[in-house]
N, C-alpha and C. Protein backbone atom coordinates (compact mmCIF):
# COMPACT_ATOMS: atom_id res chain seq x y z
N MET A 1 -1.70 -151.28 -11.51
CA MET A 1 -2.23 -150.34 -12.48
C MET A 1 -3.39 -149.57 -11.85
N ALA A 2 -3.43 -148.28 -12.15
CA ALA A 2 -4.48 -147.42 -11.59
C ALA A 2 -5.83 -147.73 -12.23
N ASP A 3 -6.88 -147.54 -11.46
CA ASP A 3 -8.24 -147.67 -11.97
C ASP A 3 -8.50 -146.50 -12.91
N GLU A 4 -8.72 -146.78 -14.21
CA GLU A 4 -8.89 -145.74 -15.22
C GLU A 4 -10.02 -144.77 -14.90
N SER A 5 -11.03 -145.20 -14.17
CA SER A 5 -12.17 -144.33 -13.91
C SER A 5 -11.86 -143.25 -12.88
N ILE A 6 -10.80 -143.43 -12.09
CA ILE A 6 -10.51 -142.44 -11.06
C ILE A 6 -9.13 -141.81 -11.20
N VAL A 7 -8.43 -142.09 -12.29
CA VAL A 7 -7.11 -141.50 -12.48
C VAL A 7 -7.23 -139.99 -12.49
N ARG A 8 -6.44 -139.35 -11.67
CA ARG A 8 -6.40 -137.89 -11.67
C ARG A 8 -5.39 -137.47 -12.73
N HIS A 9 -5.80 -136.60 -13.59
CA HIS A 9 -4.92 -136.09 -14.62
C HIS A 9 -4.42 -134.73 -14.23
N ILE A 10 -3.13 -134.60 -14.23
CA ILE A 10 -2.51 -133.34 -13.86
C ILE A 10 -1.77 -132.84 -15.08
N LEU A 11 -1.85 -131.57 -15.35
CA LEU A 11 -1.18 -131.03 -16.52
C LEU A 11 -0.77 -129.60 -16.29
N TYR A 12 -0.06 -129.09 -17.25
CA TYR A 12 0.23 -127.67 -17.24
C TYR A 12 -0.35 -127.09 -18.51
N LEU A 13 -0.79 -125.86 -18.45
CA LEU A 13 -1.39 -125.19 -19.60
C LEU A 13 -0.45 -124.11 -20.11
N GLU A 14 -0.60 -123.77 -21.39
CA GLU A 14 0.16 -122.72 -22.03
C GLU A 14 1.64 -123.00 -22.06
N GLY A 15 2.01 -124.27 -22.14
CA GLY A 15 3.40 -124.63 -22.28
C GLY A 15 3.77 -124.76 -23.75
N PRO A 16 5.02 -125.13 -24.03
CA PRO A 16 5.42 -125.28 -25.43
C PRO A 16 4.71 -126.47 -26.08
N GLY A 17 4.60 -126.45 -27.37
CA GLY A 17 3.97 -127.55 -28.09
C GLY A 17 3.24 -127.04 -29.30
N ARG A 18 2.75 -127.97 -30.11
CA ARG A 18 2.02 -127.55 -31.30
C ARG A 18 0.54 -127.73 -31.09
N GLU A 19 -0.24 -127.02 -31.86
CA GLU A 19 -1.70 -127.06 -31.75
C GLU A 19 -2.22 -128.40 -32.25
N THR A 20 -2.91 -129.14 -31.40
CA THR A 20 -3.53 -130.41 -31.78
C THR A 20 -4.86 -130.52 -31.05
N PRO A 21 -5.71 -131.47 -31.44
CA PRO A 21 -6.97 -131.67 -30.70
C PRO A 21 -6.77 -132.50 -29.43
N TYR A 22 -5.52 -132.77 -29.07
CA TYR A 22 -5.21 -133.59 -27.90
C TYR A 22 -4.50 -132.76 -26.86
N LEU A 23 -4.76 -133.09 -25.61
CA LEU A 23 -4.08 -132.43 -24.51
C LEU A 23 -3.32 -133.49 -23.74
N SER A 24 -2.02 -133.30 -23.64
CA SER A 24 -1.18 -134.24 -22.92
C SER A 24 -1.33 -134.02 -21.42
N THR A 25 -1.54 -135.11 -20.70
CA THR A 25 -1.67 -135.05 -19.25
C THR A 25 -0.82 -136.16 -18.63
N THR A 26 -0.63 -136.09 -17.35
CA THR A 26 0.07 -137.13 -16.62
C THR A 26 -0.62 -137.33 -15.28
N GLU A 27 -0.45 -138.50 -14.71
CA GLU A 27 -0.99 -138.72 -13.37
C GLU A 27 0.09 -138.50 -12.32
N HIS A 28 1.26 -138.05 -12.75
CA HIS A 28 2.39 -137.85 -11.84
C HIS A 28 2.62 -136.35 -11.60
N ARG A 29 2.32 -135.92 -10.39
CA ARG A 29 2.43 -134.49 -10.05
C ARG A 29 3.84 -133.97 -10.30
N GLU A 30 4.86 -134.75 -9.97
CA GLU A 30 6.24 -134.27 -10.14
C GLU A 30 6.57 -134.01 -11.61
N VAL A 31 5.99 -134.81 -12.50
CA VAL A 31 6.20 -134.58 -13.94
C VAL A 31 5.53 -133.28 -14.36
N ALA A 32 4.28 -133.09 -13.94
CA ALA A 32 3.56 -131.86 -14.29
C ALA A 32 4.29 -130.64 -13.73
N SER A 33 4.77 -130.74 -12.52
CA SER A 33 5.46 -129.61 -11.89
C SER A 33 6.74 -129.26 -12.63
N ARG A 34 7.42 -130.27 -13.15
CA ARG A 34 8.67 -130.04 -13.87
C ARG A 34 8.42 -129.21 -15.14
N PHE A 35 7.30 -129.43 -15.81
CA PHE A 35 7.02 -128.74 -17.06
C PHE A 35 6.17 -127.49 -16.89
N ALA A 36 5.59 -127.31 -15.73
CA ALA A 36 4.63 -126.22 -15.52
C ALA A 36 5.31 -124.86 -15.41
N GLN A 37 4.55 -123.85 -15.82
CA GLN A 37 4.93 -122.47 -15.49
C GLN A 37 4.77 -122.36 -13.97
N PRO A 38 5.35 -121.35 -13.33
CA PRO A 38 5.13 -121.23 -11.89
C PRO A 38 3.62 -121.23 -11.58
N ASN A 39 3.23 -122.05 -10.66
CA ASN A 39 1.83 -122.20 -10.26
C ASN A 39 0.92 -122.61 -11.42
N GLY A 40 1.43 -123.38 -12.37
CA GLY A 40 0.67 -123.71 -13.57
C GLY A 40 0.14 -125.13 -13.63
N VAL A 41 0.05 -125.82 -12.51
CA VAL A 41 -0.46 -127.20 -12.53
C VAL A 41 -1.96 -127.20 -12.28
N TRP A 42 -2.69 -127.90 -13.15
CA TRP A 42 -4.14 -128.02 -13.08
C TRP A 42 -4.49 -129.49 -13.01
N GLU A 43 -5.69 -129.84 -12.55
CA GLU A 43 -6.05 -131.25 -12.51
C GLU A 43 -7.52 -131.49 -12.82
N THR A 44 -7.78 -132.74 -13.19
CA THR A 44 -9.14 -133.21 -13.46
C THR A 44 -9.15 -134.72 -13.25
N THR A 45 -10.28 -135.34 -13.53
CA THR A 45 -10.38 -136.80 -13.49
C THR A 45 -11.01 -137.27 -14.79
N VAL A 46 -10.89 -138.55 -15.06
CA VAL A 46 -11.50 -139.12 -16.27
C VAL A 46 -13.01 -138.89 -16.28
N PRO A 47 -13.75 -139.17 -15.19
CA PRO A 47 -15.20 -138.95 -15.23
C PRO A 47 -15.58 -137.48 -15.47
N ILE A 48 -14.83 -136.54 -14.91
CA ILE A 48 -15.14 -135.12 -15.14
C ILE A 48 -14.94 -134.78 -16.61
N ALA A 49 -13.84 -135.21 -17.19
CA ALA A 49 -13.58 -134.95 -18.61
C ALA A 49 -14.66 -135.58 -19.48
N ALA A 50 -15.03 -136.81 -19.17
CA ALA A 50 -16.05 -137.51 -19.96
C ALA A 50 -17.41 -136.81 -19.86
N SER A 51 -17.67 -136.14 -18.76
CA SER A 51 -18.97 -135.49 -18.57
C SER A 51 -19.22 -134.36 -19.58
N VAL A 52 -18.17 -133.83 -20.19
CA VAL A 52 -18.36 -132.79 -21.22
C VAL A 52 -17.98 -133.31 -22.61
N GLY A 53 -17.83 -134.63 -22.74
CA GLY A 53 -17.59 -135.24 -24.05
C GLY A 53 -16.13 -135.37 -24.45
N VAL A 54 -15.21 -135.16 -23.51
CA VAL A 54 -13.79 -135.30 -23.80
C VAL A 54 -13.39 -136.75 -23.58
N ARG A 55 -12.80 -137.36 -24.61
CA ARG A 55 -12.39 -138.77 -24.53
C ARG A 55 -11.02 -138.90 -23.88
N HIS A 56 -10.86 -139.91 -23.05
CA HIS A 56 -9.59 -140.21 -22.40
C HIS A 56 -8.86 -141.29 -23.18
N ILE A 57 -7.62 -141.06 -23.51
CA ILE A 57 -6.76 -142.07 -24.12
C ILE A 57 -5.72 -142.43 -23.07
N SER A 58 -5.86 -143.61 -22.49
CA SER A 58 -5.00 -144.02 -21.38
C SER A 58 -3.56 -144.20 -21.85
N ASN A 59 -2.65 -144.25 -20.90
CA ASN A 59 -1.25 -144.49 -21.20
C ASN A 59 -1.08 -145.84 -21.90
N VAL A 60 -1.81 -146.85 -21.45
CA VAL A 60 -1.73 -148.18 -22.07
C VAL A 60 -2.19 -148.12 -23.53
N GLU A 61 -3.31 -147.46 -23.79
CA GLU A 61 -3.80 -147.34 -25.16
C GLU A 61 -2.83 -146.53 -26.02
N LEU A 62 -2.32 -145.44 -25.48
CA LEU A 62 -1.38 -144.58 -26.21
C LEU A 62 -0.13 -145.36 -26.59
N LEU A 63 0.44 -146.08 -25.65
CA LEU A 63 1.64 -146.86 -25.94
C LEU A 63 1.37 -147.94 -26.98
N GLY A 64 0.16 -148.51 -26.96
CA GLY A 64 -0.22 -149.50 -27.95
C GLY A 64 -0.29 -148.94 -29.36
N LEU A 65 -0.64 -147.66 -29.47
CA LEU A 65 -0.72 -147.01 -30.78
C LEU A 65 0.64 -146.57 -31.30
N MET A 66 1.60 -146.45 -30.40
CA MET A 66 2.91 -145.90 -30.77
C MET A 66 3.94 -147.00 -30.98
N LYS A 67 3.70 -147.81 -32.00
CA LYS A 67 4.62 -148.88 -32.38
C LYS A 67 4.95 -148.70 -33.86
N GLY A 68 6.20 -148.94 -34.23
CA GLY A 68 6.61 -148.78 -35.63
C GLY A 68 6.37 -147.36 -36.08
N ASN A 69 5.62 -147.20 -37.16
CA ASN A 69 5.27 -145.87 -37.66
C ASN A 69 4.01 -145.35 -36.99
N GLY A 70 3.54 -146.03 -35.96
CA GLY A 70 2.32 -145.64 -35.28
C GLY A 70 1.12 -146.33 -35.88
N GLN A 71 0.10 -146.51 -35.08
CA GLN A 71 -1.12 -147.18 -35.50
C GLN A 71 -2.28 -146.20 -35.46
N GLY A 72 -3.25 -146.36 -36.34
CA GLY A 72 -4.45 -145.52 -36.31
C GLY A 72 -4.12 -144.05 -36.34
N LEU A 73 -4.70 -143.30 -35.40
CA LEU A 73 -4.48 -141.85 -35.36
C LEU A 73 -3.06 -141.48 -34.96
N ALA A 74 -2.27 -142.43 -34.49
CA ALA A 74 -0.88 -142.16 -34.13
C ALA A 74 0.08 -142.43 -35.29
N LYS A 75 -0.46 -142.75 -36.46
CA LYS A 75 0.39 -143.03 -37.63
C LYS A 75 1.17 -141.78 -38.02
N TRP A 76 2.47 -141.98 -38.30
CA TRP A 76 3.35 -140.87 -38.61
C TRP A 76 4.41 -141.36 -39.58
N PRO A 77 4.89 -140.52 -40.49
CA PRO A 77 5.85 -140.99 -41.50
C PRO A 77 7.19 -141.48 -40.93
N SER A 78 7.58 -140.99 -39.77
CA SER A 78 8.89 -141.32 -39.22
C SER A 78 8.78 -142.25 -38.01
N ALA A 79 9.23 -143.49 -38.17
CA ALA A 79 9.21 -144.45 -37.06
C ALA A 79 10.11 -143.97 -35.92
N SER A 80 11.20 -143.29 -36.24
CA SER A 80 12.10 -142.83 -35.17
C SER A 80 11.43 -141.74 -34.32
N GLU A 81 10.62 -140.88 -34.94
CA GLU A 81 9.90 -139.87 -34.17
C GLU A 81 8.82 -140.52 -33.30
N VAL A 82 8.17 -141.54 -33.82
CA VAL A 82 7.17 -142.27 -33.04
C VAL A 82 7.86 -142.94 -31.85
N SER A 83 9.02 -143.51 -32.09
CA SER A 83 9.78 -144.17 -31.02
C SER A 83 10.16 -143.18 -29.92
N THR A 84 10.60 -141.99 -30.32
CA THR A 84 10.96 -140.96 -29.35
C THR A 84 9.73 -140.53 -28.55
N ALA A 85 8.62 -140.31 -29.24
CA ALA A 85 7.38 -139.93 -28.55
C ALA A 85 6.93 -141.03 -27.58
N ARG A 86 7.08 -142.28 -27.99
CA ARG A 86 6.71 -143.41 -27.12
C ARG A 86 7.57 -143.42 -25.86
N ARG A 87 8.87 -143.17 -26.03
CA ARG A 87 9.78 -143.15 -24.88
C ARG A 87 9.36 -142.06 -23.90
N TYR A 88 9.03 -140.87 -24.43
CA TYR A 88 8.56 -139.78 -23.56
C TYR A 88 7.25 -140.16 -22.86
N ALA A 89 6.34 -140.79 -23.59
CA ALA A 89 5.05 -141.19 -23.01
C ALA A 89 5.27 -142.21 -21.89
N GLU A 90 6.22 -143.12 -22.09
CA GLU A 90 6.54 -144.10 -21.04
C GLU A 90 7.15 -143.42 -19.82
N GLU A 91 8.15 -142.56 -20.05
CA GLU A 91 8.85 -141.90 -18.95
C GLU A 91 7.95 -140.98 -18.13
N ARG A 92 7.00 -140.34 -18.79
CA ARG A 92 6.19 -139.31 -18.14
C ARG A 92 4.79 -139.77 -17.77
N GLY A 93 4.48 -141.06 -17.99
CA GLY A 93 3.15 -141.56 -17.65
C GLY A 93 2.07 -140.78 -18.38
N GLU A 94 2.33 -140.47 -19.64
CA GLU A 94 1.43 -139.60 -20.40
C GLU A 94 0.11 -140.27 -20.74
N HIS A 95 -0.95 -139.50 -20.60
CA HIS A 95 -2.30 -139.84 -21.07
C HIS A 95 -2.70 -138.70 -21.98
N LEU A 96 -3.70 -138.91 -22.83
CA LEU A 96 -4.19 -137.82 -23.67
C LEU A 96 -5.67 -137.60 -23.41
N LEU A 97 -6.06 -136.36 -23.48
CA LEU A 97 -7.48 -136.03 -23.52
C LEU A 97 -7.75 -135.61 -24.96
N ASP A 98 -8.78 -136.20 -25.55
CA ASP A 98 -9.11 -136.04 -26.96
C ASP A 98 -10.32 -135.11 -27.09
N PHE A 99 -10.10 -133.94 -27.68
CA PHE A 99 -11.14 -132.92 -27.81
C PHE A 99 -11.77 -132.89 -29.20
N ARG A 100 -11.52 -133.92 -30.04
CA ARG A 100 -12.02 -133.90 -31.41
C ARG A 100 -13.54 -133.83 -31.51
N THR A 101 -14.27 -134.34 -30.54
CA THR A 101 -15.73 -134.34 -30.63
C THR A 101 -16.38 -133.20 -29.85
N VAL A 102 -15.55 -132.30 -29.32
CA VAL A 102 -16.05 -131.19 -28.52
C VAL A 102 -16.14 -129.94 -29.41
N ASN A 103 -17.26 -129.23 -29.33
CA ASN A 103 -17.45 -128.04 -30.16
C ASN A 103 -16.50 -126.90 -29.81
N ASP A 104 -16.27 -126.66 -28.53
CA ASP A 104 -15.43 -125.55 -28.10
C ASP A 104 -14.43 -126.05 -27.05
N PRO A 105 -13.25 -126.52 -27.50
CA PRO A 105 -12.27 -127.06 -26.55
C PRO A 105 -11.86 -126.08 -25.45
N SER A 106 -11.77 -124.79 -25.75
CA SER A 106 -11.34 -123.85 -24.71
C SER A 106 -12.36 -123.77 -23.58
N THR A 107 -13.65 -123.80 -23.92
CA THR A 107 -14.70 -123.79 -22.90
C THR A 107 -14.67 -125.10 -22.12
N SER A 108 -14.52 -126.23 -22.83
CA SER A 108 -14.46 -127.53 -22.16
C SER A 108 -13.30 -127.61 -21.20
N THR A 109 -12.15 -127.08 -21.60
CA THR A 109 -10.97 -127.09 -20.74
C THR A 109 -11.26 -126.33 -19.46
N LYS A 110 -11.90 -125.18 -19.58
CA LYS A 110 -12.23 -124.38 -18.40
C LYS A 110 -13.21 -125.10 -17.48
N GLU A 111 -14.08 -125.91 -18.07
CA GLU A 111 -15.08 -126.64 -17.28
C GLU A 111 -14.49 -127.82 -16.53
N ILE A 112 -13.49 -128.47 -17.08
CA ILE A 112 -13.03 -129.73 -16.49
C ILE A 112 -11.80 -129.60 -15.59
N PHE A 113 -11.00 -128.55 -15.76
CA PHE A 113 -9.78 -128.41 -14.95
C PHE A 113 -9.96 -127.42 -13.82
N LYS A 114 -9.32 -127.74 -12.70
CA LYS A 114 -9.29 -126.80 -11.59
C LYS A 114 -7.83 -126.60 -11.20
N LYS A 115 -7.54 -125.42 -10.69
CA LYS A 115 -6.19 -125.11 -10.26
C LYS A 115 -5.79 -126.05 -9.14
N SER A 116 -4.62 -126.60 -9.24
CA SER A 116 -4.15 -127.59 -8.26
C SER A 116 -3.57 -126.89 -7.03
């Protein structure tokens, strides 16, 4: 298992998805590249994200929340949708960055990510 303090998070921006206070990331470059727009892979680390108040939700924590109908903030009316999301999170090594406590997520995103 990777050391959570140094995990590099790689993601793509402006891809499909719905507006949420969470940003899906992966530590697997090949996964990010598969979903990225051409030249759209960006990266950061947990300490850099934390330095501007962005919380890291590790893959282990995320998978722990995605059981049954979901636990805590992952609670959802459809257990089958939670199960599908969990399968994707497992396959893609997904982590989340949580922007709920950040005043301006767009500014924070610009501060923590660099072009890969």
